[in-house]
Amino acid sequence: MPDATHPCLRCGACCAGFRVAFHWSETDACAGGLIPAALTEPLDPHRVVMRGTYGAAPLRCEQLRGNVATDARCGIYPLRPSPCRELKAAWEDGAPSAQCDRARIAHGMAPLTPADWRGG
């Protein structure tokens, strides 16, 4: 889990704004898979989605805990699927993230800046 100063722990916009689709082999239905299959639903013959991130509006991953823009966190953080692991917060690694910016703006938050990071 990120430390308590991590901007994502006050955000959660990506968890309430994007479809989280990934290959079914990341689920525990496959040897070596980690994500509990019960937390997903089928998208197509090869992919599943995290429940709450496809079809219904508004989108909100069922594993998002807390409130967007104040105290968000992932209920399965160590087991989160590849799209969640791969999405970086803007400026987390010194680079912008258009996806992060879009999610934050859609939820009424300003995009992150380098100054939002400890020592930034």
N, C-alpha and C. Protein backbone atom coordinates (compact mmCIF):
# COMPACT_ATOMS: atom_id res chain seq x y z
N MET A 1 0.85 -1.18 0.00
CA MET A 1 0.00 0.00 0.00
C MET A 1 0.89 1.23 0.00
N PRO A 2 0.55 2.24 -0.81
CA PRO A 2 1.34 3.46 -0.79
C PRO A 2 1.32 4.09 0.60
N ASP A 3 2.37 4.88 0.92
CA ASP A 3 2.37 5.53 2.23
C ASP A 3 1.26 6.57 2.29
N ALA A 4 0.94 7.01 3.49
CA ALA A 4 -0.22 7.88 3.74
C ALA A 4 -0.14 9.23 3.03
N THR A 5 1.04 9.64 2.57
CA THR A 5 1.15 10.92 1.87
C THR A 5 0.94 10.78 0.36
N HIS A 6 0.79 9.58 -0.13
CA HIS A 6 0.63 9.34 -1.57
C HIS A 6 -0.67 10.00 -2.05
N PRO A 7 -0.62 10.84 -3.11
CA PRO A 7 -1.82 11.52 -3.59
C PRO A 7 -2.97 10.59 -3.97
N CYS A 8 -2.68 9.36 -4.36
CA CYS A 8 -3.75 8.43 -4.73
C CYS A 8 -4.66 8.11 -3.55
N LEU A 9 -4.13 8.22 -2.34
CA LEU A 9 -4.94 7.91 -1.16
C LEU A 9 -5.91 9.03 -0.81
N ARG A 10 -5.88 10.09 -1.57
CA ARG A 10 -6.87 11.16 -1.42
C ARG A 10 -7.64 11.33 -2.72
N CYS A 11 -7.53 10.39 -3.64
CA CYS A 11 -8.09 10.58 -4.97
C CYS A 11 -9.10 9.49 -5.31
N GLY A 12 -8.67 8.40 -5.92
CA GLY A 12 -9.57 7.32 -6.32
C GLY A 12 -10.31 7.57 -7.62
N ALA A 13 -10.00 8.67 -8.31
CA ALA A 13 -10.73 9.01 -9.53
C ALA A 13 -10.60 7.94 -10.61
N CYS A 14 -9.43 7.35 -10.75
CA CYS A 14 -9.27 6.32 -11.78
C CYS A 14 -10.14 5.10 -11.47
N CYS A 15 -10.32 4.79 -10.19
CA CYS A 15 -11.13 3.65 -9.77
C CYS A 15 -12.63 3.90 -9.98
N ALA A 16 -12.98 5.15 -10.18
CA ALA A 16 -14.38 5.52 -10.40
C ALA A 16 -14.56 6.17 -11.76
N GLY A 17 -13.67 5.83 -12.70
CA GLY A 17 -13.78 6.46 -14.00
C GLY A 17 -13.39 5.61 -15.19
N PHE A 18 -12.69 4.50 -14.95
CA PHE A 18 -12.21 3.70 -16.07
C PHE A 18 -12.64 2.24 -15.95
N ARG A 19 -12.87 1.63 -17.12
CA ARG A 19 -13.10 0.18 -17.14
C ARG A 19 -11.76 -0.49 -16.83
N VAL A 20 -11.78 -1.49 -15.98
CA VAL A 20 -10.57 -2.23 -15.63
C VAL A 20 -10.70 -3.63 -16.23
N ALA A 21 -10.18 -3.78 -17.44
CA ALA A 21 -10.26 -5.04 -18.18
C ALA A 21 -8.86 -5.66 -18.25
N PHE A 22 -8.82 -6.98 -18.13
CA PHE A 22 -7.55 -7.69 -18.18
C PHE A 22 -7.81 -9.15 -18.54
N HIS A 23 -6.75 -9.86 -18.92
CA HIS A 23 -6.87 -11.27 -19.30
C HIS A 23 -7.30 -12.09 -18.09
N TRP A 24 -8.19 -13.02 -18.34
CA TRP A 24 -8.74 -13.85 -17.25
C TRP A 24 -7.66 -14.62 -16.49
N SER A 25 -6.51 -14.85 -17.12
CA SER A 25 -5.46 -15.63 -16.45
C SER A 25 -4.86 -14.91 -15.25
N GLU A 26 -5.17 -13.62 -15.06
CA GLU A 26 -4.72 -12.92 -13.86
C GLU A 26 -5.58 -13.29 -12.65
N THR A 27 -6.71 -13.97 -12.88
CA THR A 27 -7.58 -14.34 -11.76
C THR A 27 -7.15 -15.67 -11.17
N ASP A 28 -7.64 -15.94 -9.98
CA ASP A 28 -7.31 -17.21 -9.32
C ASP A 28 -7.98 -18.42 -9.97
N ALA A 29 -8.74 -18.21 -11.05
CA ALA A 29 -9.29 -19.32 -11.83
C ALA A 29 -8.19 -19.99 -12.64
N CYS A 30 -7.04 -19.36 -12.72
CA CYS A 30 -5.88 -19.88 -13.44
C CYS A 30 -4.74 -20.07 -12.45
N ALA A 31 -4.00 -21.15 -12.60
CA ALA A 31 -2.85 -21.37 -11.73
C ALA A 31 -1.92 -20.17 -11.80
N GLY A 32 -1.57 -19.61 -10.68
CA GLY A 32 -0.69 -18.46 -10.62
C GLY A 32 -1.41 -17.12 -10.65
N GLY A 33 -2.71 -17.12 -10.93
CA GLY A 33 -3.49 -15.89 -10.94
C GLY A 33 -3.74 -15.43 -9.51
N LEU A 34 -3.84 -14.14 -9.30
CA LEU A 34 -4.00 -13.60 -7.96
C LEU A 34 -5.36 -12.98 -7.67
N ILE A 35 -5.96 -12.32 -8.66
CA ILE A 35 -7.20 -11.59 -8.42
C ILE A 35 -8.34 -12.58 -8.20
N PRO A 36 -9.07 -12.49 -7.11
CA PRO A 36 -10.19 -13.40 -6.91
C PRO A 36 -11.20 -13.27 -8.06
N ALA A 37 -11.46 -14.37 -8.75
CA ALA A 37 -12.38 -14.36 -9.89
C ALA A 37 -13.77 -13.86 -9.49
N ALA A 38 -14.14 -14.06 -8.24
CA ALA A 38 -15.46 -13.61 -7.76
C ALA A 38 -15.58 -12.09 -7.78
N LEU A 39 -14.48 -11.37 -7.89
CA LEU A 39 -14.50 -9.91 -7.93
C LEU A 39 -14.57 -9.38 -9.36
N THR A 40 -14.67 -10.30 -10.32
CA THR A 40 -14.68 -9.91 -11.73
C THR A 40 -15.96 -10.40 -12.41
N GLU A 41 -16.16 -9.91 -13.63
CA GLU A 41 -17.23 -10.42 -14.48
C GLU A 41 -16.70 -10.50 -15.91
N PRO A 42 -17.26 -11.40 -16.72
CA PRO A 42 -16.75 -11.58 -18.08
C PRO A 42 -16.96 -10.34 -18.95
N LEU A 43 -15.98 -10.07 -19.80
CA LEU A 43 -16.10 -9.01 -20.80
C LEU A 43 -16.22 -9.64 -22.18
N ASP A 44 -15.33 -10.57 -22.47
CA ASP A 44 -15.34 -11.32 -23.73
C ASP A 44 -14.67 -12.66 -23.44
N PRO A 45 -14.47 -13.52 -24.44
CA PRO A 45 -13.91 -14.84 -24.15
C PRO A 45 -12.52 -14.83 -23.50
N HIS A 46 -11.79 -13.73 -23.62
CA HIS A 46 -10.42 -13.69 -23.10
C HIS A 46 -10.21 -12.72 -21.94
N ARG A 47 -11.15 -11.79 -21.77
CA ARG A 47 -10.95 -10.76 -20.75
C ARG A 47 -12.10 -10.72 -19.75
N VAL A 48 -11.74 -10.27 -18.55
CA VAL A 48 -12.71 -10.00 -17.49
C VAL A 48 -12.55 -8.54 -17.08
N VAL A 49 -13.51 -8.04 -16.33
CA VAL A 49 -13.42 -6.68 -15.79
C VAL A 49 -13.66 -6.75 -14.29
N MET A 50 -13.09 -5.79 -13.59
CA MET A 50 -13.39 -5.68 -12.17
C MET A 50 -14.86 -5.27 -12.04
N ARG A 51 -15.58 -5.89 -11.11
CA ARG A 51 -16.99 -5.56 -10.91
C ARG A 51 -17.14 -4.07 -10.62
N GLY A 52 -18.13 -3.48 -11.26
CA GLY A 52 -18.41 -2.06 -11.08
C GLY A 52 -17.75 -1.15 -12.09
N THR A 53 -16.86 -1.71 -12.93
CA THR A 53 -16.14 -0.85 -13.87
C THR A 53 -16.63 -0.97 -15.30
N TYR A 54 -17.74 -1.66 -15.52
CA TYR A 54 -18.23 -1.83 -16.89
C TYR A 54 -19.75 -1.92 -16.90
N GLY A 55 -20.33 -1.19 -17.79
CA GLY A 55 -21.77 -1.30 -18.01
C GLY A 55 -22.60 -0.27 -17.27
N ALA A 56 -22.53 -0.29 -15.97
CA ALA A 56 -23.36 0.62 -15.17
C ALA A 56 -22.73 2.01 -15.11
N ALA A 57 -23.58 3.00 -15.00
CA ALA A 57 -23.07 4.36 -14.82
C ALA A 57 -23.64 4.90 -13.52
N PRO A 58 -22.91 5.55 -12.71
CA PRO A 58 -21.50 5.83 -12.91
C PRO A 58 -20.63 4.62 -12.58
N LEU A 59 -19.45 4.58 -13.18
CA LEU A 59 -18.51 3.50 -12.91
C LEU A 59 -17.88 3.70 -11.53
N ARG A 60 -17.67 2.60 -10.84
CA ARG A 60 -16.95 2.64 -9.57
C ARG A 60 -16.55 1.20 -9.25
N CYS A 61 -15.27 0.95 -9.23
CA CYS A 61 -14.79 -0.38 -8.90
C CYS A 61 -15.32 -0.76 -7.52
N GLU A 62 -15.84 -1.98 -7.41
CA GLU A 62 -16.37 -2.42 -6.12
C GLU A 62 -15.29 -2.53 -5.06
N GLN A 63 -14.03 -2.54 -5.44
CA GLN A 63 -12.95 -2.62 -4.47
C GLN A 63 -12.45 -1.26 -4.00
N LEU A 64 -13.01 -0.19 -4.55
CA LEU A 64 -12.66 1.16 -4.09
C LEU A 64 -13.28 1.39 -2.72
N ARG A 65 -12.47 1.69 -1.76
CA ARG A 65 -12.93 1.97 -0.40
C ARG A 65 -12.79 3.46 -0.15
N GLY A 66 -13.69 4.01 0.64
CA GLY A 66 -13.64 5.44 0.95
C GLY A 66 -14.35 6.25 -0.11
N ASN A 67 -14.02 7.51 -0.15
CA ASN A 67 -14.68 8.47 -1.04
C ASN A 67 -13.69 9.10 -2.01
N VAL A 68 -14.12 9.20 -3.26
CA VAL A 68 -13.30 9.86 -4.28
C VAL A 68 -13.02 11.29 -3.81
N ALA A 69 -11.79 11.71 -3.98
CA ALA A 69 -11.30 13.06 -3.68
C ALA A 69 -11.01 13.32 -2.21
N THR A 70 -11.24 12.33 -1.33
CA THR A 70 -10.94 12.59 0.08
C THR A 70 -10.13 11.49 0.75
N ASP A 71 -10.59 10.24 0.67
CA ASP A 71 -9.91 9.18 1.42
C ASP A 71 -9.98 7.83 0.70
N ALA A 72 -9.71 7.82 -0.59
CA ALA A 72 -9.82 6.62 -1.41
C ALA A 72 -8.67 5.65 -1.18
N ARG A 73 -8.98 4.37 -1.31
CA ARG A 73 -7.95 3.33 -1.24
C ARG A 73 -8.50 2.06 -1.89
N CYS A 74 -7.61 1.18 -2.29
CA CYS A 74 -7.99 -0.07 -2.95
C CYS A 74 -8.15 -1.17 -1.91
N GLY A 75 -9.28 -1.88 -1.97
CA GLY A 75 -9.54 -2.96 -1.03
C GLY A 75 -8.71 -4.21 -1.28
N ILE A 76 -8.11 -4.32 -2.46
CA ILE A 76 -7.27 -5.49 -2.77
C ILE A 76 -5.90 -5.05 -3.28
N TYR A 77 -5.39 -3.96 -2.80
CA TYR A 77 -4.18 -3.34 -3.34
C TYR A 77 -3.07 -4.34 -3.68
N PRO A 78 -2.68 -5.26 -2.80
CA PRO A 78 -1.59 -6.18 -3.17
C PRO A 78 -1.97 -7.14 -4.31
N LEU A 79 -3.26 -7.32 -4.55
CA LEU A 79 -3.73 -8.24 -5.58
C LEU A 79 -4.29 -7.52 -6.81
N ARG A 80 -4.16 -6.22 -6.90
CA ARG A 80 -4.78 -5.45 -7.98
C ARG A 80 -4.28 -5.94 -9.34
N PRO A 81 -5.15 -5.85 -10.36
CA PRO A 81 -4.79 -6.35 -11.69
C PRO A 81 -3.80 -5.44 -12.41
N SER A 82 -3.27 -5.95 -13.51
CA SER A 82 -2.24 -5.23 -14.26
C SER A 82 -2.63 -3.82 -14.69
N PRO A 83 -3.87 -3.55 -15.16
CA PRO A 83 -4.16 -2.16 -15.54
C PRO A 83 -4.01 -1.19 -14.37
N CYS A 84 -4.33 -1.64 -13.18
CA CYS A 84 -4.20 -0.79 -12.00
C CYS A 84 -2.73 -0.62 -11.61
N ARG A 85 -1.95 -1.68 -11.71
CA ARG A 85 -0.52 -1.58 -11.39
C ARG A 85 0.21 -0.69 -12.39
N GLU A 86 -0.25 -0.73 -13.66
CA GLU A 86 0.44 0.00 -14.72
C GLU A 86 0.08 1.48 -14.78
N LEU A 87 -1.08 1.86 -14.28
CA LEU A 87 -1.48 3.26 -14.31
C LEU A 87 -0.70 4.03 -13.23
N LYS A 88 0.04 5.00 -13.66
CA LYS A 88 0.82 5.82 -12.73
C LYS A 88 0.12 7.15 -12.52
N ALA A 89 0.17 7.63 -11.32
CA ALA A 89 -0.34 8.97 -11.04
C ALA A 89 0.56 9.97 -11.76
N ALA A 90 -0.02 11.07 -12.20
CA ALA A 90 0.76 12.10 -12.87
C ALA A 90 1.91 12.55 -11.97
N TRP A 91 3.08 12.59 -12.54
CA TRP A 91 4.32 13.06 -11.91
C TRP A 91 4.86 12.11 -10.85
N GLU A 92 4.23 10.95 -10.65
CA GLU A 92 4.73 9.99 -9.65
C GLU A 92 6.16 9.59 -9.96
N ASP A 93 6.43 9.38 -11.25
CA ASP A 93 7.79 9.01 -11.68
C ASP A 93 8.44 10.14 -12.47
N GLY A 94 7.96 11.38 -12.22
CA GLY A 94 8.53 12.53 -12.90
C GLY A 94 7.95 12.81 -14.28
N ALA A 95 6.86 12.13 -14.62
CA ALA A 95 6.26 12.32 -15.94
C ALA A 95 4.76 12.60 -15.82
N PRO A 96 4.20 13.34 -16.77
CA PRO A 96 2.76 13.59 -16.74
C PRO A 96 2.00 12.30 -17.06
N SER A 97 0.71 12.29 -16.76
CA SER A 97 -0.16 11.16 -17.09
C SER A 97 -1.51 11.72 -17.53
N ALA A 98 -1.76 11.65 -18.83
CA ALA A 98 -3.02 12.16 -19.37
C ALA A 98 -4.20 11.38 -18.79
N GLN A 99 -4.03 10.09 -18.57
CA GLN A 99 -5.11 9.28 -18.01
C GLN A 99 -5.45 9.73 -16.59
N CYS A 100 -4.45 9.95 -15.78
CA CYS A 100 -4.66 10.45 -14.41
C CYS A 100 -5.34 11.81 -14.46
N ASP A 101 -4.83 12.69 -15.30
CA ASP A 101 -5.41 14.04 -15.42
C ASP A 101 -6.89 13.97 -15.80
N ARG A 102 -7.24 13.13 -16.80
CA ARG A 102 -8.64 13.01 -17.24
C ARG A 102 -9.54 12.53 -16.11
N ALA A 103 -9.09 11.54 -15.36
CA ALA A 103 -9.90 11.01 -14.27
C ALA A 103 -10.12 12.06 -13.19
N ARG A 104 -9.06 12.76 -12.82
CA ARG A 104 -9.19 13.78 -11.78
C ARG A 104 -10.12 14.91 -12.22
N ILE A 105 -9.96 15.39 -13.44
CA ILE A 105 -10.80 16.46 -13.95
C ILE A 105 -12.26 16.03 -13.98
N ALA A 106 -12.52 14.78 -14.38
CA ALA A 106 -13.90 14.28 -14.44
C ALA A 106 -14.56 14.26 -13.07
N HIS A 107 -13.77 14.23 -12.02
CA HIS A 107 -14.29 14.22 -10.65
C HIS A 107 -14.11 15.56 -9.95
N GLY A 108 -13.85 16.60 -10.74
CA GLY A 108 -13.78 17.95 -10.19
C GLY A 108 -12.49 18.28 -9.46
N MET A 109 -11.45 17.51 -9.70
CA MET A 109 -10.15 17.77 -9.06
C MET A 109 -9.17 18.32 -10.07
N ALA A 110 -8.26 19.12 -9.62
CA ALA A 110 -7.20 19.63 -10.48
C ALA A 110 -6.20 18.51 -10.77
N PRO A 111 -5.58 18.52 -11.94
CA PRO A 111 -4.53 17.55 -12.21
C PRO A 111 -3.39 17.69 -11.20
N LEU A 112 -2.71 16.59 -10.95
CA LEU A 112 -1.55 16.63 -10.07
C LEU A 112 -0.41 17.41 -10.72
N THR A 113 0.45 17.94 -9.91
CA THR A 113 1.65 18.64 -10.37
C THR A 113 2.85 18.06 -9.62
N PRO A 114 4.05 18.34 -10.06
CA PRO A 114 5.21 17.85 -9.30
C PRO A 114 5.18 18.28 -7.83
N ALA A 115 4.59 19.44 -7.54
CA ALA A 115 4.55 19.93 -6.16
C ALA A 115 3.66 19.08 -5.26
N ASP A 116 2.78 18.24 -5.84
CA ASP A 116 1.93 17.37 -5.04
C ASP A 116 2.68 16.20 -4.43
N TRP A 117 3.90 15.99 -4.85
CA TRP A 117 4.69 14.87 -4.36
C TRP A 117 5.65 15.36 -3.30
N ARG A 118 5.84 14.54 -2.33
CA ARG A 118 6.76 14.87 -1.23
C ARG A 118 8.10 15.27 -1.83
N GLY A 119 8.57 16.43 -1.47
CA GLY A 119 9.84 16.92 -1.98
C GLY A 119 9.73 17.53 -3.37
N GLY A 120 8.47 17.60 -3.90
CA GLY A 120 8.27 18.09 -5.27
C GLY A 120 8.23 19.58 -5.33
